[in-house]
C-alpha atoms as a PDB file:
ATOM      1  CA  UNK A   1     -77.632  22.395   2.084  1.00  0.00           C
ATOM      2  CA  UNK A   2     -76.759  21.554   5.111  1.00  0.00           C
ATOM      3  CA  UNK A   3     -78.126  24.119   7.873  1.00  0.00           C
ATOM      4  CA  UNK A   4     -77.773  24.182  11.739  1.00  0.00           C
ATOM      5  CA  UNK A   5     -80.413  24.000  14.180  1.00  0.00           C
ATOM      6  CA  UNK A   6     -80.980  24.397  18.134  1.00  0.00           C
ATOM      7  CA  UNK A   7     -77.261  24.230  19.796  1.00  0.00           C
ATOM      8  CA  UNK A   8     -76.613  21.523  21.953  1.00  0.00           C
ATOM      9  CA  UNK A   9     -75.658  21.897  25.985  1.00  0.00           C
ATOM     10  CA  UNK A  10     -72.250  20.986  25.205  1.00  0.00           C
ATOM     11  CA  UNK A  11     -69.561  22.550  23.063  1.00  0.00           C
ATOM     12  CA  UNK A  12     -65.570  21.381  21.645  1.00  0.00           C
ATOM     13  CA  UNK A  13     -63.235  23.812  21.253  1.00  0.00           C
ATOM     14  CA  UNK A  14     -64.980  26.861  21.805  1.00  0.00           C
ATOM     15  CA  UNK A  15     -67.282  25.628  18.764  1.00  0.00           C
ATOM     16  CA  UNK A  16     -71.292  25.655  19.821  1.00  0.00           C
ATOM     17  CA  UNK A  17     -72.381  22.656  18.235  1.00  0.00           C
ATOM     18  CA  UNK A  18     -75.868  22.543  16.173  1.00  0.00           C
ATOM     19  CA  UNK A  19     -77.418  19.864  14.687  1.00  0.00           C
ATOM     20  CA  UNK A  20     -78.313  19.460  11.489  1.00  0.00           C
ATOM     21  CA  UNK A  21     -81.681  20.104   9.940  1.00  0.00           C
ATOM     22  CA  UNK A  22     -81.382  17.630   6.958  1.00  0.00           C
ATOM     23  CA  UNK A  23     -79.749  14.698   9.034  1.00  0.00           C
ATOM     24  CA  UNK A  24     -81.733  15.580  12.427  1.00  0.00           C
ATOM     25  CA  UNK A  25     -81.919  14.008  15.922  1.00  0.00           C
ATOM     26  CA  UNK A  26     -83.282  10.761  16.336  1.00  0.00           C
ATOM     27  CA  UNK A  27     -82.971   9.975  11.961  1.00  0.00           C
ATOM     28  CA  UNK A  28     -80.184   7.892  13.145  1.00  0.00           C
ATOM     29  CA  UNK A  29     -78.340   5.958  15.241  1.00  0.00           C
ATOM     30  CA  UNK A  30     -75.311   7.365  14.419  1.00  0.00           C
ATOM     31  CA  UNK A  31     -73.422  10.759  14.744  1.00  0.00           C
ATOM     32  CA  UNK A  32     -71.030  12.989  13.017  1.00  0.00           C
ATOM     33  CA  UNK A  33     -69.806  16.536  14.171  1.00  0.00           C
ATOM     34  CA  UNK A  34     -67.786  18.783  10.824  1.00  0.00           C
ATOM     35  CA  UNK A  35     -64.990  20.633  11.808  1.00  0.00           C
ATOM     36  CA  UNK A  36     -67.538  23.996  11.994  1.00  0.00           C
ATOM     37  CA  UNK A  37     -69.667  22.350  14.838  1.00  0.00           C
ATOM     38  CA  UNK A  38     -72.416  20.773  13.495  1.00  0.00           C
ATOM     39  CA  UNK A  39     -73.483  17.222  14.463  1.00  0.00           C
ATOM     40  CA  UNK A  40     -75.424  15.316  11.794  1.00  0.00           C
ATOM     41  CA  UNK A  41     -77.429  11.850  12.360  1.00  0.00           C
ATOM     42  CA  UNK A  42     -77.847   8.826   9.948  1.00  0.00           C
ATOM     43  CA  UNK A  43     -77.791   4.974   9.783  1.00  0.00           C
ATOM     44  CA  UNK A  44     -74.402   3.151  11.319  1.00  0.00           C
ATOM     45  CA  UNK A  45     -75.366   0.669   8.828  1.00  0.00           C
ATOM     46  CA  UNK A  46     -75.848   2.669   5.687  1.00  0.00           C
ATOM     47  CA  UNK A  47     -71.840   4.239   6.495  1.00  0.00           C
ATOM     48  CA  UNK A  48     -70.501   0.962   6.735  1.00  0.00           C
ATOM     49  CA  UNK A  49     -72.562  -0.437   3.327  1.00  0.00           C
ATOM     50  CA  UNK A  50     -71.021   2.454   1.268  1.00  0.00           C
ATOM     51  CA  UNK A  51     -67.810   3.264   2.353  1.00  0.00           C
ATOM     52  CA  UNK A  52     -65.129   0.651   3.442  1.00  0.00           C
ATOM     53  CA  UNK A  53     -63.482   3.189   5.434  1.00  0.00           C
ATOM     54  CA  UNK A  54     -66.528   3.156   8.340  1.00  0.00           C
ATOM     55  CA  UNK A  55     -67.535  -0.315   7.408  1.00  0.00           C
ATOM     56  CA  UNK A  56     -63.586  -1.199   8.801  1.00  0.00           C
ATOM     57  CA  UNK A  57     -63.686   1.145  12.072  1.00  0.00           C
ATOM     58  CA  UNK A  58     -66.755  -0.337  12.481  1.00  0.00           C
ATOM     59  CA  UNK A  59     -66.015  -3.903  11.939  1.00  0.00           C
ATOM     60  CA  UNK A  60     -62.574  -2.976  14.001  1.00  0.00           C
ATOM     61  CA  UNK A  61     -64.380  -1.447  16.467  1.00  0.00           C
ATOM     62  CA  UNK A  62     -63.981  -3.348  20.433  1.00  0.00           C
ATOM     63  CA  UNK A  63     -66.411  -3.345  22.841  1.00  0.00           C
ATOM     64  CA  UNK A  64     -65.444   0.637  24.384  1.00  0.00           C
ATOM     65  CA  UNK A  65     -63.202   2.138  21.689  1.00  0.00           C
ATOM     66  CA  UNK A  66     -63.463   2.491  18.196  1.00  0.00           C
ATOM     67  CA  UNK A  67     -60.622   4.286  16.037  1.00  0.00           C
ATOM     68  CA  UNK A  68     -62.197   6.293  13.838  1.00  0.00           C
ATOM     69  CA  UNK A  69     -58.275   8.127  11.811  1.00  0.00           C
ATOM     70  CA  UNK A  70     -54.989   7.227  12.711  1.00  0.00           C
ATOM     71  CA  UNK A  71     -53.993   7.979  16.217  1.00  0.00           C
ATOM     72  CA  UNK A  72     -57.505   9.179  17.158  1.00  0.00           C
ATOM     73  CA  UNK A  73     -59.953   6.993  19.520  1.00  0.00           C
ATOM     74  CA  UNK A  74     -63.332   7.472  20.395  1.00  0.00           C
ATOM     75  CA  UNK A  75     -65.510   6.144  22.472  1.00  0.00           C
ATOM     76  CA  UNK A  76     -68.122   3.522  21.383  1.00  0.00           C
ATOM     77  CA  UNK A  77     -71.611   4.466  20.343  1.00  0.00           C
ATOM     78  CA  UNK A  78     -73.851   4.701  22.784  1.00  0.00           C
ATOM     79  CA  UNK A  79     -76.962   7.130  23.703  1.00  0.00           C
ATOM     80  CA  UNK A  80     -75.024   9.117  25.831  1.00  0.00           C
ATOM     81  CA  UNK A  81     -71.171   9.292  23.601  1.00  0.00           C
ATOM     82  CA  UNK A  82     -69.933  11.865  22.590  1.00  0.00           C
ATOM     83  CA  UNK A  83     -70.375  12.383  18.362  1.00  0.00           C
ATOM     84  CA  UNK A  84     -67.722  11.733  15.666  1.00  0.00           C
ATOM     85  CA  UNK A  85     -65.832  14.771  15.125  1.00  0.00           C
ATOM     86  CA  UNK A  86     -64.421  14.701  10.958  1.00  0.00           C
ATOM     87  CA  UNK A  87     -62.593  17.307   9.455  1.00  0.00           C
ATOM     88  CA  UNK A  88     -65.460  17.904   7.007  1.00  0.00           C
ATOM     89  CA  UNK A  89     -67.456  21.476   7.433  1.00  0.00           C
ATOM     90  CA  UNK A  90     -70.937  21.038   7.326  1.00  0.00           C
ATOM     91  CA  UNK A  91     -72.028  22.146   3.911  1.00  0.00           C
ATOM     92  CA  UNK A  92     -69.044  19.196   2.883  1.00  0.00           C
ATOM     93  CA  UNK A  93     -70.713  16.725   5.054  1.00  0.00           C
ATOM     94  CA  UNK A  94     -73.830  16.942   4.116  1.00  0.00           C
ATOM     95  CA  UNK A  95     -73.180  17.017   0.890  1.00  0.00           C
ATOM     96  CA  UNK A  96     -71.368  13.610   1.023  1.00  0.00           C
ATOM     97  CA  UNK A  97     -74.233  11.674   3.463  1.00  0.00           C
ATOM     98  CA  UNK A  98     -76.786  12.998   0.244  1.00  0.00           C
ATOM     99  CA  UNK A  99     -75.014  10.098  -1.251  1.00  0.00           C
ATOM    100  CA  UNK A 100     -75.282   8.026   0.880  1.00  0.00           C
ATOM    101  CA  UNK A 101     -78.577   8.304   2.739  1.00  0.00           C
ATOM    102  CA  UNK A 102     -81.169   6.798  -0.335  1.00  0.00           C
ATOM    103  CA  UNK A 103     -83.501   8.931   1.160  1.00  0.00           C
ATOM    104  CA  UNK A 104     -82.131  12.404   0.390  1.00  0.00           C
ATOM    105  CA  UNK A 105     -81.696  13.309  -3.180  1.00  0.00           C
ATOM    106  CA  UNK A 106     -77.911  14.656  -3.772  1.00  0.00           C
ATOM    107  CA  UNK A 107     -77.602  18.445  -4.125  1.00  0.00           C
ATOM    108  CA  UNK A 108     -76.889  19.593  -8.133  1.00  0.00           C
ATOM    109  CA  UNK A 109     -73.201  19.584  -8.892  1.00  0.00           C
ATOM    110  CA  UNK A 110     -72.118  23.085  -7.475  1.00  0.00           C
ATOM    111  CA  UNK A 111     -68.629  24.780  -8.727  1.00  0.00           C
ATOM    112  CA  UNK A 112     -67.703  26.066  -5.461  1.00  0.00           C
ATOM    113  CA  UNK A 113     -68.469  22.907  -3.444  1.00  0.00           C
ATOM    114  CA  UNK A 114     -67.782  20.164  -5.713  1.00  0.00           C
ATOM    115  CA  UNK A 115     -63.716  20.254  -5.075  1.00  0.00           C
ATOM    116  CA  UNK A 116     -64.012  19.606  -1.459  1.00  0.00           C
ATOM    117  CA  UNK A 117     -67.386  16.648  -2.081  1.00  0.00           C
ATOM    118  CA  UNK A 118     -64.574  14.915  -4.019  1.00  0.00           C
ATOM    119  CA  UNK A 119     -61.782  15.140  -1.793  1.00  0.00           C
ATOM    120  CA  UNK A 120     -64.288  13.712   0.903  1.00  0.00           C
ATOM    121  CA  UNK A 121     -65.585  11.141  -1.408  1.00  0.00           C
ATOM    122  CA  UNK A 122     -61.767  10.136  -1.780  1.00  0.00           C
ATOM    123  CA  UNK A 123     -61.180  10.117   2.079  1.00  0.00           C
ATOM    124  CA  UNK A 124     -63.892   7.557   2.876  1.00  0.00           C
ATOM    125  CA  UNK A 125     -63.415   5.667  -0.791  1.00  0.00           C
ATOM    126  CA  UNK A 126     -66.641   6.255  -2.092  1.00  0.00           C
ATOM    127  CA  UNK A 127     -66.639   5.523  -5.659  1.00  0.00           C
ATOM    128  CA  UNK A 128     -70.679   6.064  -6.038  1.00  0.00           C
ATOM    129  CA  UNK A 129     -69.615  10.229  -5.845  1.00  0.00           C
ATOM    130  CA  UNK A 130     -66.873  10.132  -8.218  1.00  0.00           C
ATOM    131  CA  UNK A 131     -69.105   8.031 -10.874  1.00  0.00           C
ATOM    132  CA  UNK A 132     -72.376  10.632 -10.147  1.00  0.00           C
ATOM    133  CA  UNK A 133     -69.792  13.905 -10.577  1.00  0.00           C
ATOM    134  CA  UNK A 134     -68.506  11.784 -13.882  1.00  0.00           C
ATOM    135  CA  UNK A 135     -72.479  12.358 -15.431  1.00  0.00           C
ATOM    136  CA  UNK A 136     -72.580  15.119 -13.779  1.00  0.00           C
ATOM    137  CA  UNK A 137     -70.093  17.716 -14.819  1.00  0.00           C
ATOM    138  CA  UNK A 138     -71.248  17.374 -18.593  1.00  0.00           C
ATOM    139  CA  UNK A 139     -75.160  18.122 -16.905  1.00  0.00           C
ATOM    140  CA  UNK A 140     -76.280  21.294 -16.262  1.00  0.00           C
ATOM    141  CA  UNK A 141     -73.800  22.503 -12.923  1.00  0.00           C
ATOM    142  CA  UNK A 142     -75.241  25.039 -10.517  1.00  0.00           C
ATOM    143  CA  UNK A 143     -72.648  28.133 -10.514  1.00  0.00           C
ATOM    144  CA  UNK A 144     -71.961  30.484  -7.580  1.00  0.00           C
ATOM    145  CA  UNK A 145     -72.115  33.137  -9.726  1.00  0.00           C
ATOM    146  CA  UNK A 146     -75.149  34.011 -12.467  1.00  0.00           C
ATOM    147  CA  UNK A 147     -76.149  30.450 -12.699  1.00  0.00           C
ATOM    148  CA  UNK A 148     -76.414  29.495 -16.333  1.00  0.00           C
ATOM    149  CA  UNK A 149     -79.315  27.270 -16.670  1.00  0.00           C
ATOM    150  CA  UNK A 150     -78.523  24.243 -19.426  1.00  0.00           C
ATOM    151  CA  UNK A 151     -74.262  25.062 -19.222  1.00  0.00           C
ATOM    152  CA  UNK A 152     -72.627  22.595 -17.920  1.00  0.00           C
ATOM    153  CA  UNK A 153     -69.568  22.094 -16.114  1.00  0.00           C
ATOM    154  CA  UNK A 154     -67.460  21.138 -18.655  1.00  0.00           C
ATOM    155  CA  UNK A 155     -68.784  23.382 -21.364  1.00  0.00           C
ATOM    156  CA  UNK A 156     -68.440  25.942 -18.066  1.00  0.00           C
ATOM    157  CA  UNK A 157     -64.935  25.533 -16.705  1.00  0.00           C
ATOM    158  CA  UNK A 158     -63.816  22.687 -19.095  1.00  0.00           C
ATOM    159  CA  UNK A 159     -60.358  23.686 -17.179  1.00  0.00           C
ATOM    160  CA  UNK A 160     -61.751  22.861 -13.532  1.00  0.00           C
ATOM    161  CA  UNK A 161     -62.946  19.390 -15.086  1.00  0.00           C
ATOM    162  CA  UNK A 162     -59.703  18.696 -16.350  1.00  0.00           C
ATOM    163  CA  UNK A 163     -58.109  19.682 -12.859  1.00  0.00           C
ATOM    164  CA  UNK A 164     -60.617  17.604 -10.283  1.00  0.00           C
ATOM    165  CA  UNK A 165     -60.561  14.447 -13.226  1.00  0.00           C
ATOM    166  CA  UNK A 166     -56.312  14.817 -12.759  1.00  0.00           C
ATOM    167  CA  UNK A 167     -56.664  14.620  -9.235  1.00  0.00           C
ATOM    168  CA  UNK A 168     -58.786  11.856  -8.474  1.00  0.00           C
ATOM    169  CA  UNK A 169     -57.676   9.714 -11.536  1.00  0.00           C
ATOM    170  CA  UNK A 170     -60.808   9.979 -13.388  1.00  0.00           C
ATOM    171  CA  UNK A 171     -58.995   9.275 -17.363  1.00  0.00           C
ATOM    172  CA  UNK A 172     -62.418   9.841 -19.281  1.00  0.00           C
ATOM    173  CA  UNK A 173     -63.370  12.760 -18.293  1.00  0.00           C
ATOM    174  CA  UNK A 174     -59.790  14.194 -18.314  1.00  0.00           C
ATOM    175  CA  UNK A 175     -59.720  13.125 -22.337  1.00  0.00           C
ATOM    176  CA  UNK A 176     -62.945  14.960 -22.917  1.00  0.00           C
ATOM    177  CA  UNK A 177     -62.467  18.159 -20.555  1.00  0.00           C
ATOM    178  CA  UNK A 178     -58.550  18.330 -22.729  1.00  0.00           C
ATOM    179  CA  UNK A 179     -60.738  17.726 -25.899  1.00  0.00           C
ATOM    180  CA  UNK A 180     -63.013  20.697 -24.668  1.00  0.00           C
ATOM    181  CA  UNK A 181     -60.405  22.641 -24.437  1.00  0.00           C
ATOM    182  CA  UNK A 182     -58.538  22.054 -27.584  1.00  0.00           C
ATOM    183  CA  UNK A 183     -61.444  23.633 -28.937  1.00  0.00           C
ATOM    184  CA  UNK A 184     -63.113  26.094 -27.150  1.00  0.00           C
ATOM    185  CA  UNK A 185     -63.354  29.338 -27.098  1.00  0.00           C
ATOM    186  CA  UNK A 186     -59.511  31.203 -25.465  1.00  0.00           C
ATOM    187  CA  UNK A 187     -60.906  32.678 -22.497  1.00  0.00           C
ATOM    188  CA  UNK A 188     -61.304  29.471 -21.002  1.00  0.00           C
ATOM    189  CA  UNK A 189     -57.798  28.397 -20.395  1.00  0.00           C
ATOM    190  CA  UNK A 190     -57.496  31.664 -18.196  1.00  0.00           C
ATOM    191  CA  UNK A 191     -60.263  30.365 -15.498  1.00  0.00           C
ATOM    192  CA  UNK A 192     -58.771  30.485 -12.015  1.00  0.00           C
ATOM    193  CA  UNK A 193     -58.142  26.764 -11.466  1.00  0.00           C
ATOM    194  CA  UNK A 194     -55.255  25.051  -9.487  1.00  0.00           C
ATOM    195  CA  UNK A 195     -53.759  22.973 -12.061  1.00  0.00           C
ATOM    196  CA  UNK A 196     -50.396  21.178 -12.638  1.00  0.00           C
ATOM    197  CA  UNK A 197     -48.045  22.933 -14.799  1.00  0.00           C
ATOM    198  CA  UNK A 198     -47.160  20.019 -16.973  1.00  0.00           C
ATOM    199  CA  UNK A 199     -50.731  19.455 -17.346  1.00  0.00           C
ATOM    200  CA  UNK A 200     -50.993  22.688 -18.699  1.00  0.00           C
ATOM    201  CA  UNK A 201     -48.462  23.327 -20.949  1.00  0.00           C
ATOM    202  CA  UNK A 202     -49.929  19.615 -22.344  1.00  0.00           C
ATOM    203  CA  UNK A 203     -53.246  21.275 -23.403  1.00  0.00           C
ATOM    204  CA  UNK A 204     -51.532  24.430 -24.782  1.00  0.00           C
ATOM    205  CA  UNK A 205     -49.581  22.236 -26.645  1.00  0.00           C
ATOM    206  CA  UNK A 206     -52.566  19.845 -28.251  1.00  0.00           C
ATOM    207  CA  UNK A 207     -54.522  23.499 -28.763  1.00  0.00           C
ATOM    208  CA  UNK A 208     -51.689  24.720 -31.031  1.00  0.00           C
ATOM    209  CA  UNK A 209     -50.900  21.737 -33.177  1.00  0.00           C
ATOM    210  CA  UNK A 210     -54.851  22.170 -33.819  1.00  0.00           C
ATOM    211  CA  UNK A 211     -54.921  26.192 -34.539  1.00  0.00           C
ATOM    212  CA  UNK A 212     -51.461  25.197 -37.041  1.00  0.00           C
ATOM    213  CA  UNK A 213     -53.888  22.598 -38.832  1.00  0.00           C
ATOM    214  CA  UNK A 214     -55.808  25.494 -39.447  1.00  0.00           C
ATOM    215  CA  UNK A 215     -53.509  28.103 -40.106  1.00  0.00           C
ATOM    216  CA  UNK A 216     -51.871  25.701 -42.707  1.00  0.00           C
ATOM    217  CA  UNK A 217     -55.259  25.928 -44.877  1.00  0.00           C
ATOM    218  CA  UNK A 218     -55.240  29.374 -44.370  1.00  0.00           C
ATOM    219  CA  UNK A 219     -52.345  29.377 -46.059  1.00  0.00           C
ATOM    220  CA  UNK A 220     -53.738  27.113 -48.579  1.00  0.00           C
ATOM    221  CA  UNK A 221     -57.059  29.628 -49.328  1.00  0.00           C
ATOM    222  CA  UNK A 222     -54.444  32.808 -48.978  1.00  0.00           C
ATOM    223  CA  UNK A 223     -52.345  31.320 -52.005  1.00  0.00           C
ATOM    224  CA  UNK A 224     -55.888  29.495 -54.104  1.00  0.00           C
ATOM    225  CA  UNK A 225     -55.199  29.128 -57.478  1.00  0.00           C
ATOM    226  CA  UNK A 226     -58.205  30.232 -59.519  1.00  0.00           C
ATOM    227  CA  UNK A 227     -58.552  28.699 -63.163  1.00  0.00           C
ATOM    228  CA  UNK A 228     -55.025  28.000 -63.173  1.00  0.00           C
ATOM    229  CA  UNK A 229     -54.353  31.782 -61.986  1.00  0.00           C
ATOM    230  CA  UNK A 230     -53.356  32.897 -58.854  1.00  0.00           C
ATOM    231  CA  UNK A 231     -56.469  34.643 -56.710  1.00  0.00           C
ATOM    232  CA  UNK A 232     -54.143  38.065 -56.089  1.00  0.00           C
ATOM    233  CA  UNK A 233     -56.220  40.554 -57.463  1.00  0.00           C
ATOM    234  CA  UNK A 234     -54.730  44.172 -57.927  1.00  0.00           C
ATOM    235  CA  UNK A 235     -58.410  45.939 -57.850  1.00  0.00           C
ATOM    236  CA  UNK A 236     -58.126  47.700 -54.538  1.00  0.00           C
ATOM    237  CA  UNK A 237     -61.533  46.297 -53.880  1.00  0.00           C
ATOM    238  CA  UNK A 238     -60.793  42.450 -54.482  1.00  0.00           C
ATOM    239  CA  UNK A 239     -57.386  42.881 -52.296  1.00  0.00           C
ATOM    240  CA  UNK A 240     -59.220  44.178 -49.261  1.00  0.00           C
ATOM    241  CA  UNK A 241     -61.971  41.593 -49.153  1.00  0.00           C
ATOM    242  CA  UNK A 242     -59.694  38.814 -49.442  1.00  0.00           C
ATOM    243  CA  UNK A 243     -57.030  40.155 -46.358  1.00  0.00           C
ATOM    244  CA  UNK A 244     -60.607  41.246 -44.446  1.00  0.00           C
ATOM    245  CA  UNK A 245     -61.984  37.321 -44.928  1.00  0.00           C
ATOM    246  CA  UNK A 246     -57.696  35.759 -44.303  1.00  0.00           C
ATOM    247  CA  UNK A 247     -57.846  37.589 -41.121  1.00  0.00           C
ATOM    248  CA  UNK A 248     -61.586  37.075 -40.489  1.00  0.00           C
ATOM    249  CA  UNK A 249     -60.411  33.430 -40.852  1.00  0.00           C
ATOM    250  CA  UNK A 250     -57.549  33.571 -38.524  1.00  0.00           C
ATOM    251  CA  UNK A 251     -59.598  35.442 -36.079  1.00  0.00           C
ATOM    252  CA  UNK A 252     -61.715  32.241 -35.362  1.00  0.00           C
ATOM    253  CA  UNK A 253     -59.340  29.953 -35.356  1.00  0.00           C
ATOM    254  CA  UNK A 254     -57.186  31.846 -32.891  1.00  0.00           C
ATOM    255  CA  UNK A 255     -60.197  32.221 -30.400  1.00  0.00           C
ATOM    256  CA  UNK A 256     -62.139  28.650 -31.146  1.00  0.00           C
ATOM    257  CA  UNK A 257     -59.902  26.160 -33.470  1.00  0.00           C
ATOM    258  CA  UNK A 258     -62.595  24.268 -34.584  1.00  0.00           C
ATOM    259  CA  UNK A 259     -64.075  23.145 -37.324  1.00  0.00           C
ATOM    260  CA  UNK A 260     -67.940  24.277 -36.843  1.00  0.00           C
ATOM    261  CA  UNK A 261     -66.649  27.886 -36.597  1.00  0.00           C
ATOM    262  CA  UNK A 262     -64.004  27.695 -39.295  1.00  0.00           C
ATOM    263  CA  UNK A 263     -65.837  26.437 -41.832  1.00  0.00           C
ATOM    264  CA  UNK A 264     -69.283  29.293 -40.362  1.00  0.00           C
ATOM    265  CA  UNK A 265     -67.244  31.734 -41.175  1.00  0.00           C
ATOM    266  CA  UNK A 266     -65.683  30.636 -44.906  1.00  0.00           C
ATOM    267  CA  UNK A 267     -69.233  30.252 -45.754  1.00  0.00           C
ATOM    268  CA  UNK A 268     -71.368  33.134 -43.974  1.00  0.00           C
ATOM    269  CA  UNK A 269     -71.548  36.150 -44.738  1.00  0.00           C
ATOM    270  CA  UNK A 270     -71.252  35.437 -48.500  1.00  0.00           C
ATOM    271  CA  UNK A 271     -67.363  37.459 -49.868  1.00  0.00           C
ATOM    272  CA  UNK A 272     -67.807  39.702 -53.015  1.00  0.00           C
ATOM    273  CA  UNK A 273     -65.547  42.150 -53.904  1.00  0.00           C
ATOM    274  CA  UNK A 274     -68.196  43.720 -56.253  1.00  0.00           C
ATOM    275  CA  UNK A 275     -70.546  43.349 -58.018  1.00  0.00           C
ATOM    276  CA  UNK A 276     -70.206  40.580 -60.756  1.00  0.00           C
ATOM    277  CA  UNK A 277     -66.997  38.876 -58.670  1.00  0.00           C
ATOM    278  CA  UNK A 278     -67.756  34.998 -57.848  1.00  0.00           C
ATOM    279  CA  UNK A 279     -67.285  33.884 -53.939  1.00  0.00           C
ATOM    280  CA  UNK A 280     -64.420  33.536 -52.275  1.00  0.00           C
ATOM    281  CA  UNK A 281     -66.364  30.240 -50.773  1.00  0.00           C
ATOM    282  CA  UNK A 282     -66.995  29.184 -53.622  1.00  0.00           C
ATOM    283  CA  UNK A 283     -63.279  28.609 -55.003  1.00  0.00           C
ATOM    284  CA  UNK A 284     -62.231  26.027 -51.640  1.00  0.00           C
ATOM    285  CA  UNK A 285     -65.913  24.203 -52.002  1.00  0.00           C
ATOM    286  CA  UNK A 286     -63.511  20.930 -53.039  1.00  0.00           C
ATOM    287  CA  UNK A 287     -61.145  21.978 -50.045  1.00  0.00           C
ATOM    288  CA  UNK A 288     -63.703  22.261 -47.451  1.00  0.00           C
ATOM    289  CA  UNK A 289     -65.017  18.622 -48.294  1.00  0.00           C
ATOM    290  CA  UNK A 290     -62.039  16.775 -47.656  1.00  0.00           C
ATOM    291  CA  UNK A 291     -61.060  19.187 -44.775  1.00  0.00           C
ATOM    292  CA  UNK A 292     -64.058  18.713 -43.311  1.00  0.00           C
ATOM    293  CA  UNK A 293     -64.077  14.877 -43.110  1.00  0.00           C
ATOM    294  CA  UNK A 294     -60.409  15.411 -41.925  1.00  0.00           C
ATOM    295  CA  UNK A 295     -61.139  17.510 -38.943  1.00  0.00           C
ATOM    296  CA  UNK A 296     -64.169  15.742 -37.856  1.00  0.00           C
ATOM    297  CA  UNK A 297     -61.815  12.832 -37.468  1.00  0.00           C
ATOM    298  CA  UNK A 298     -59.791  14.281 -35.130  1.00  0.00           C
ATOM    299  CA  UNK A 299     -62.196  16.290 -33.279  1.00  0.00           C
ATOM    300  CA  UNK A 300     -63.845  12.920 -32.977  1.00  0.00           C
ATOM    301  CA  UNK A 301     -60.330  11.320 -31.189  1.00  0.00           C
ATOM    302  CA  UNK A 302     -60.164  11.324 -27.656  1.00  0.00           C
ATOM    303  CA  UNK A 303     -56.899  13.126 -26.906  1.00  0.00           C
ATOM    304  CA  UNK A 304     -54.007  10.569 -24.197  1.00  0.00           C
ATOM    305  CA  UNK A 305     -53.429  11.530 -21.291  1.00  0.00           C
ATOM    306  CA  UNK A 306     -49.684  12.761 -21.248  1.00  0.00           C
END
């Protein structure tokens, strides 16, 4: 990550200017200065090759001036000229330049920094960063609190993935995130994420439809005929067992409306109200087979974007 070294002779706007220890003095022929006063050196060629924004800036530069951003003029690069000041902080700029410089490895995706990185990538039109995010968000991701090895950002915080994919026009990842949110634990819907309200309501609507699909099957189970007779036992033990089973199935689908969880609750543990009674799951084995095929088909289809 970005580290600051010894301060330079001058400071700008009261901010002490330091040099990056990753993109240090002499590392490149072009200097960028972060908003918090860290100077990075990198190859002008790499900047122009990777970013259309920098490419246009360099190609349109006059011998005396370069226009870095609208309304901002800076001196042409020379050993004594001032670094180009950018709006990104040192950490974000370090993460961004790692995607530009092939000699550096991109830092692992981090939930605390990914939003700023993608915003910078959009600003400088670095499509490679967007492609990297699409790949990495379904892999292991670092988390700011208590890292969980093996957990991807998609699994850990699909709501954040959806918000970012929507903001930065990544439709495939957005659909995958919606699909994950429909069937994942309900607590993942309440992460502290800034997401457009219509999109959030759309996800909730799709999840409610999925829950209702399972509730309808639970209703079939509750009113199942067994050997031509309603399964509504008058024996207290049977009634309590069946009621508890229906309640457990309902809890499962409200928490995680996913076929694997639903089927697991049906099949295990074995449901017997007393010795000699058959298992409740055995009475609906044919139904389970039909429902499984339908559920797997539905869960394999990525939902459309609103």
